[in-house]
Structures are given as C-alpha cells and as structure tokens.
C-alpha cells in the first residue's frame, strides 16, 4: 500500500521583520519546504495551522525554534493489517539545556512541557 501521508497540521514561521514562511506555498500542497530551510536565528514565532485551529509558540531572543513530527502506527496481532495511524506535532524552542515544547495530537489535544521526550 503506497498512499500519500497528509498531516492534520502544517507549520509556519514568522520572522522578526514580520514576514512569514509557510510549510506549503498553496493549500493544494504543490510546493513544500523542509524545516531546515528556515532561518532559525531570525524566527520570532512558530505556528501549527490546520483543522480550523492554530497553535503558536513565541521564540525568545537567543533561542532556536524546534519542530518535528512523531508518527506511529498501531498494529494488532489478532487482526490483519495496520490499525490507526497517528501523528504528534511538536513546536517549541530550545536554548542550551532548556526548552519549551508544545505537543499537538491530530485530535487537537495538547501537552505543554519542558521534557523533549514527553511524547
């Protein structure tokens, strides 16, 4: 089975000069960019957008923005095939040994923590 993964949320950064950079150039998602293309040292806010919701984290001076997705698939030993696919999105910031991370699940539930491995 080879299907395209569509995420519930996409990231967008806002730079200190007020300009923004979205993960996708259009709603159709024809052109996407990786988070490595972001000018990390100039980001003032990192957001997740989707499903009619928005989540944002302000990036303090001297901190670097953090974004990643953790994907999981639930397998059943009693039933054939794959179970539910879930993605947890994380936005936040790190500075030295400290940081703040907002984990957002596909259903919109959230966890705000300073533990990078919380989810």
N, C-alpha and C. Protein backbone atom coordinates (compact mmCIF):
# COMPACT_ATOMS: atom_id res chain seq x y z
N UNK A 1 0.85 -1.18 0.00
CA UNK A 1 0.00 0.00 0.00
C UNK A 1 0.89 1.24 0.00
N UNK A 2 0.76 2.07 -0.98
CA UNK A 2 1.59 3.25 -1.11
C UNK A 2 0.69 4.47 -1.18
N UNK A 3 0.35 5.05 -0.02
CA UNK A 3 -0.53 6.21 -0.01
C UNK A 3 0.20 7.42 0.54
N UNK A 4 -0.23 8.58 0.07
CA UNK A 4 0.38 9.83 0.49
C UNK A 4 -0.10 10.18 1.90
N UNK A 5 0.84 10.57 2.76
CA UNK A 5 0.51 10.97 4.11
C UNK A 5 0.12 12.44 4.09
N UNK A 6 -1.05 12.75 4.62
CA UNK A 6 -1.50 14.13 4.74
C UNK A 6 -1.59 14.46 6.21
N UNK A 7 -0.84 15.46 6.64
CA UNK A 7 -0.81 15.82 8.05
C UNK A 7 -1.97 16.73 8.42
N UNK A 8 -2.42 16.61 9.65
CA UNK A 8 -3.52 17.43 10.15
C UNK A 8 -3.09 18.89 10.30
N UNK A 9 -1.81 19.13 10.56
CA UNK A 9 -1.29 20.47 10.78
C UNK A 9 -0.04 20.72 9.95
N UNK A 10 0.14 21.95 9.54
CA UNK A 10 1.36 22.36 8.86
C UNK A 10 1.98 23.50 9.66
N UNK A 11 3.30 23.66 9.54
CA UNK A 11 3.99 24.70 10.29
C UNK A 11 4.07 25.99 9.48
N UNK A 12 4.25 27.06 10.20
CA UNK A 12 4.53 28.36 9.60
C UNK A 12 5.38 29.15 10.59
N UNK A 13 6.41 29.80 10.09
CA UNK A 13 7.23 30.65 10.95
C UNK A 13 6.96 32.11 10.62
N UNK A 14 7.09 32.94 11.65
CA UNK A 14 7.05 34.38 11.48
C UNK A 14 8.41 34.90 11.91
N UNK A 15 9.01 35.68 11.03
CA UNK A 15 10.34 36.22 11.31
C UNK A 15 10.23 37.54 12.08
N UNK A 16 11.33 37.96 12.65
CA UNK A 16 11.38 39.19 13.44
C UNK A 16 10.98 40.41 12.62
N UNK A 17 11.16 40.39 11.31
CA UNK A 17 10.79 41.53 10.47
C UNK A 17 9.31 41.51 10.07
N UNK A 18 8.55 40.52 10.57
CA UNK A 18 7.11 40.42 10.28
C UNK A 18 6.75 39.54 9.11
N UNK A 19 7.72 39.15 8.29
CA UNK A 19 7.43 38.26 7.16
C UNK A 19 7.21 36.84 7.67
N UNK A 20 6.57 36.01 6.86
CA UNK A 20 6.29 34.64 7.27
C UNK A 20 6.69 33.66 6.18
N UNK A 21 6.88 32.42 6.59
CA UNK A 21 7.25 31.35 5.68
C UNK A 21 6.42 30.12 6.04
N UNK A 22 5.50 29.69 5.15
CA UNK A 22 4.69 28.51 5.42
C UNK A 22 5.37 27.23 4.93
N UNK A 23 4.94 26.11 5.48
CA UNK A 23 5.47 24.81 5.03
C UNK A 23 5.09 24.56 3.57
N UNK A 24 3.88 24.96 3.17
CA UNK A 24 3.41 24.78 1.80
C UNK A 24 3.09 26.13 1.18
N UNK A 25 3.41 26.28 -0.09
CA UNK A 25 3.14 27.54 -0.80
C UNK A 25 1.68 27.72 -1.15
N UNK A 26 0.90 26.64 -1.17
CA UNK A 26 -0.51 26.74 -1.51
C UNK A 26 -1.29 25.72 -0.71
N UNK A 27 -2.60 25.88 -0.66
CA UNK A 27 -3.44 24.95 0.07
C UNK A 27 -3.43 23.56 -0.54
N UNK A 28 -3.14 23.48 -1.84
CA UNK A 28 -3.07 22.18 -2.51
C UNK A 28 -1.79 21.44 -2.14
N UNK A 29 -0.84 22.14 -1.56
CA UNK A 29 0.41 21.50 -1.14
C UNK A 29 1.33 21.13 -2.28
N UNK A 30 1.23 21.84 -3.39
CA UNK A 30 2.05 21.51 -4.56
C UNK A 30 3.53 21.72 -4.28
N UNK A 31 3.88 22.77 -3.56
CA UNK A 31 5.28 23.05 -3.25
C UNK A 31 5.46 23.10 -1.75
N UNK A 32 6.29 22.23 -1.23
CA UNK A 32 6.54 22.22 0.21
C UNK A 32 8.01 22.50 0.48
N UNK A 33 8.29 22.85 1.70
CA UNK A 33 9.68 23.07 2.10
C UNK A 33 9.94 22.35 3.41
N UNK A 34 11.17 22.00 3.62
CA UNK A 34 11.57 21.37 4.86
C UNK A 34 11.89 22.42 5.91
N UNK A 35 11.81 22.04 7.18
CA UNK A 35 12.06 22.97 8.26
C UNK A 35 13.52 23.44 8.26
N UNK A 36 14.40 22.68 7.65
CA UNK A 36 15.81 23.06 7.56
C UNK A 36 16.00 24.33 6.72
N UNK A 37 15.02 24.71 5.91
CA UNK A 37 15.10 25.91 5.10
C UNK A 37 14.81 27.19 5.89
N UNK A 38 14.36 27.04 7.14
CA UNK A 38 14.01 28.18 7.98
C UNK A 38 15.28 28.85 8.50
N UNK A 39 15.30 30.18 8.49
CA UNK A 39 16.40 30.95 9.10
C UNK A 39 16.15 31.00 10.60
N UNK A 40 16.57 29.96 11.30
CA UNK A 40 16.23 29.74 12.70
C UNK A 40 16.54 30.91 13.61
N UNK A 41 17.67 31.56 13.42
CA UNK A 41 18.09 32.64 14.31
C UNK A 41 17.21 33.89 14.19
N UNK A 42 16.37 33.97 13.15
CA UNK A 42 15.52 35.14 12.92
C UNK A 42 14.05 34.89 13.21
N UNK A 43 13.68 33.71 13.73
CA UNK A 43 12.27 33.37 13.96
C UNK A 43 11.78 33.99 15.27
N UNK A 44 10.62 34.65 15.20
CA UNK A 44 10.02 35.20 16.42
C UNK A 44 8.81 34.38 16.88
N UNK A 45 8.17 33.64 15.96
CA UNK A 45 7.01 32.82 16.33
C UNK A 45 6.94 31.61 15.40
N UNK A 46 6.57 30.47 15.98
CA UNK A 46 6.39 29.23 15.24
C UNK A 46 4.95 28.77 15.47
N UNK A 47 4.25 28.46 14.39
CA UNK A 47 2.83 28.11 14.50
C UNK A 47 2.52 26.78 13.81
N UNK A 48 1.47 26.13 14.29
CA UNK A 48 0.85 24.99 13.62
C UNK A 48 -0.54 25.42 13.19
N UNK A 49 -0.89 25.16 11.94
CA UNK A 49 -2.18 25.57 11.41
C UNK A 49 -2.87 24.39 10.77
N UNK A 50 -4.17 24.26 10.99
CA UNK A 50 -4.94 23.20 10.36
C UNK A 50 -6.19 22.87 11.14
N UNK A 51 -7.14 22.24 10.48
CA UNK A 51 -8.39 21.80 11.08
C UNK A 51 -9.15 22.95 11.74
N UNK A 52 -8.99 24.16 11.19
CA UNK A 52 -9.68 25.32 11.75
C UNK A 52 -9.08 25.78 13.06
N UNK A 53 -7.91 25.30 13.40
CA UNK A 53 -7.25 25.65 14.66
C UNK A 53 -5.87 26.22 14.37
N UNK A 54 -5.34 26.92 15.35
CA UNK A 54 -3.98 27.41 15.26
C UNK A 54 -3.32 27.36 16.62
N UNK A 55 -2.07 26.99 16.66
CA UNK A 55 -1.28 26.93 17.88
C UNK A 55 0.02 27.66 17.61
N UNK A 56 0.46 28.52 18.54
CA UNK A 56 1.68 29.29 18.32
C UNK A 56 2.54 29.30 19.56
N UNK A 57 3.84 29.36 19.32
CA UNK A 57 4.83 29.49 20.39
C UNK A 57 5.73 30.66 20.02
N UNK A 58 5.88 31.61 20.92
CA UNK A 58 6.80 32.72 20.71
C UNK A 58 8.21 32.24 21.03
N UNK A 59 9.15 32.59 20.18
CA UNK A 59 10.53 32.16 20.35
C UNK A 59 11.30 33.30 21.02
N UNK A 60 11.81 33.08 22.24
CA UNK A 60 12.53 34.15 22.92
C UNK A 60 13.88 34.46 22.24
N UNK A 61 14.37 35.63 22.49
CA UNK A 61 15.66 36.03 21.92
C UNK A 61 16.75 35.06 22.37
N UNK A 62 17.58 34.64 21.43
CA UNK A 62 18.67 33.73 21.73
C UNK A 62 18.29 32.25 21.70
N UNK A 63 17.00 31.96 21.50
CA UNK A 63 16.54 30.56 21.43
C UNK A 63 16.34 30.17 19.97
N UNK A 64 16.36 28.87 19.72
CA UNK A 64 16.14 28.34 18.38
C UNK A 64 14.79 27.62 18.32
N UNK A 65 14.05 27.79 17.21
CA UNK A 65 12.76 27.11 17.08
C UNK A 65 12.96 25.60 16.91
N UNK A 66 11.99 24.84 17.41
CA UNK A 66 12.00 23.38 17.30
C UNK A 66 10.70 22.95 16.65
N UNK A 67 10.81 22.10 15.64
CA UNK A 67 9.64 21.50 15.01
C UNK A 67 9.98 20.07 14.63
N UNK A 68 9.07 19.16 14.93
CA UNK A 68 9.18 17.79 14.41
C UNK A 68 7.83 17.11 14.51
N UNK A 69 7.72 15.99 13.81
CA UNK A 69 6.52 15.14 13.86
C UNK A 69 6.94 13.75 14.31
N UNK A 70 6.16 13.16 15.19
CA UNK A 70 6.36 11.76 15.57
C UNK A 70 5.17 10.99 15.04
N UNK A 71 5.46 9.99 14.22
CA UNK A 71 4.40 9.17 13.62
C UNK A 71 4.39 7.80 14.28
N UNK A 72 3.18 7.27 14.44
CA UNK A 72 3.06 5.93 14.99
C UNK A 72 1.93 5.19 14.27
N UNK A 73 2.08 3.89 14.24
CA UNK A 73 1.06 3.01 13.66
C UNK A 73 0.75 1.95 14.70
N UNK A 74 -0.52 1.75 14.97
CA UNK A 74 -0.94 0.72 15.91
C UNK A 74 -1.18 -0.57 15.14
N UNK A 75 -0.48 -1.63 15.53
CA UNK A 75 -0.64 -2.93 14.89
C UNK A 75 -1.41 -3.86 15.82
N UNK A 76 -2.21 -4.72 15.24
CA UNK A 76 -2.97 -5.68 16.01
C UNK A 76 -2.50 -7.08 15.66
N UNK A 77 -2.22 -7.89 16.68
CA UNK A 77 -1.81 -9.26 16.41
C UNK A 77 -3.01 -10.16 16.13
N UNK A 78 -4.22 -9.71 16.48
CA UNK A 78 -5.41 -10.52 16.26
C UNK A 78 -6.11 -10.20 14.94
N UNK A 79 -5.88 -9.01 14.41
CA UNK A 79 -6.49 -8.62 13.15
C UNK A 79 -5.39 -8.36 12.13
N UNK A 80 -5.66 -8.68 10.88
CA UNK A 80 -4.67 -8.44 9.84
C UNK A 80 -4.61 -6.96 9.48
N UNK A 81 -3.44 -6.54 9.06
CA UNK A 81 -3.27 -5.17 8.58
C UNK A 81 -2.92 -4.19 9.68
N UNK A 82 -2.83 -2.95 9.25
CA UNK A 82 -2.47 -1.87 10.15
C UNK A 82 -3.70 -1.32 10.84
N UNK A 83 -3.47 -0.80 12.03
CA UNK A 83 -4.51 -0.11 12.75
C UNK A 83 -4.44 1.37 12.47
N UNK A 84 -4.74 2.15 13.45
CA UNK A 84 -4.76 3.61 13.30
C UNK A 84 -3.36 4.19 13.13
N UNK A 85 -3.28 5.21 12.29
CA UNK A 85 -2.04 5.98 12.12
C UNK A 85 -2.22 7.28 12.89
N UNK A 86 -1.24 7.63 13.70
CA UNK A 86 -1.32 8.85 14.47
C UNK A 86 -0.04 9.66 14.29
N UNK A 87 -0.21 10.97 14.29
CA UNK A 87 0.93 11.87 14.20
C UNK A 87 0.83 12.87 15.34
N UNK A 88 1.94 13.06 16.03
CA UNK A 88 2.04 14.10 17.04
C UNK A 88 2.99 15.15 16.50
N UNK A 89 2.54 16.39 16.48
CA UNK A 89 3.34 17.51 16.01
C UNK A 89 3.94 18.21 17.23
N UNK A 90 5.15 18.71 17.10
CA UNK A 90 5.78 19.44 18.20
C UNK A 90 6.33 20.76 17.68
N UNK A 91 5.98 21.84 18.37
CA UNK A 91 6.59 23.14 18.14
C UNK A 91 7.11 23.64 19.47
N UNK A 92 8.17 24.40 19.42
CA UNK A 92 8.73 24.93 20.66
C UNK A 92 10.04 25.63 20.41
N UNK A 93 10.84 25.73 21.47
CA UNK A 93 12.14 26.37 21.35
C UNK A 93 13.13 25.73 22.31
N UNK A 94 14.40 25.87 21.97
CA UNK A 94 15.46 25.38 22.85
C UNK A 94 16.55 26.44 22.95
N UNK A 95 17.16 26.49 24.11
CA UNK A 95 18.28 27.40 24.35
C UNK A 95 19.19 26.71 25.36
N UNK A 96 20.34 26.25 24.87
CA UNK A 96 21.23 25.49 25.74
C UNK A 96 20.58 24.19 26.18
N UNK A 97 20.54 23.96 27.48
CA UNK A 97 19.93 22.75 28.04
C UNK A 97 18.44 22.90 28.33
N UNK A 98 17.87 24.09 28.12
CA UNK A 98 16.46 24.29 28.45
C UNK A 98 15.64 24.45 27.17
N UNK A 99 14.33 24.30 27.34
CA UNK A 99 13.43 24.44 26.21
C UNK A 99 11.99 24.31 26.64
N UNK A 100 11.09 24.65 25.74
CA UNK A 100 9.66 24.51 25.95
C UNK A 100 9.09 23.88 24.69
N UNK A 101 8.23 22.88 24.87
CA UNK A 101 7.71 22.11 23.74
C UNK A 101 6.20 21.98 23.87
N UNK A 102 5.48 22.29 22.79
CA UNK A 102 4.04 22.11 22.72
C UNK A 102 3.78 20.96 21.77
N UNK A 103 3.28 19.85 22.32
CA UNK A 103 2.92 18.68 21.52
C UNK A 103 1.44 18.79 21.17
N UNK A 104 1.11 18.64 19.89
CA UNK A 104 -0.28 18.73 19.43
C UNK A 104 -0.60 17.43 18.69
N UNK A 105 -1.64 16.75 19.16
CA UNK A 105 -2.09 15.50 18.54
C UNK A 105 -3.10 15.80 17.45
N UNK A 106 -3.32 14.86 16.56
CA UNK A 106 -4.25 15.04 15.44
C UNK A 106 -5.65 15.44 15.90
N UNK A 107 -6.06 14.99 17.09
CA UNK A 107 -7.41 15.31 17.59
C UNK A 107 -7.48 16.70 18.24
N UNK A 108 -6.35 17.42 18.27
CA UNK A 108 -6.33 18.77 18.83
C UNK A 108 -5.92 18.84 20.28
N UNK A 109 -5.78 17.69 20.95
CA UNK A 109 -5.33 17.71 22.34
C UNK A 109 -3.86 18.13 22.38
N UNK A 110 -3.45 18.75 23.49
CA UNK A 110 -2.11 19.31 23.58
C UNK A 110 -1.42 18.93 24.89
N UNK A 111 -0.10 19.06 24.89
CA UNK A 111 0.72 18.91 26.09
C UNK A 111 1.83 19.93 26.00
N UNK A 112 1.92 20.82 26.99
CA UNK A 112 2.99 21.81 27.07
C UNK A 112 3.96 21.35 28.15
N UNK A 113 5.24 21.21 27.78
CA UNK A 113 6.21 20.65 28.71
C UNK A 113 7.61 21.15 28.41
N UNK A 114 8.50 20.93 29.37
CA UNK A 114 9.93 21.21 29.13
C UNK A 114 10.70 19.92 28.87
N UNK A 115 9.98 18.79 28.76
CA UNK A 115 10.57 17.48 28.52
C UNK A 115 10.47 17.13 27.03
N UNK A 116 11.61 17.15 26.36
CA UNK A 116 11.68 16.89 24.92
C UNK A 116 11.14 15.48 24.57
N UNK A 117 11.26 14.54 25.49
CA UNK A 117 10.85 13.14 25.24
C UNK A 117 9.48 12.82 25.85
N UNK A 118 8.68 13.81 26.18
CA UNK A 118 7.40 13.60 26.87
C UNK A 118 6.42 12.75 26.06
N UNK A 119 6.47 12.83 24.76
CA UNK A 119 5.52 12.09 23.91
C UNK A 119 6.30 11.21 22.96
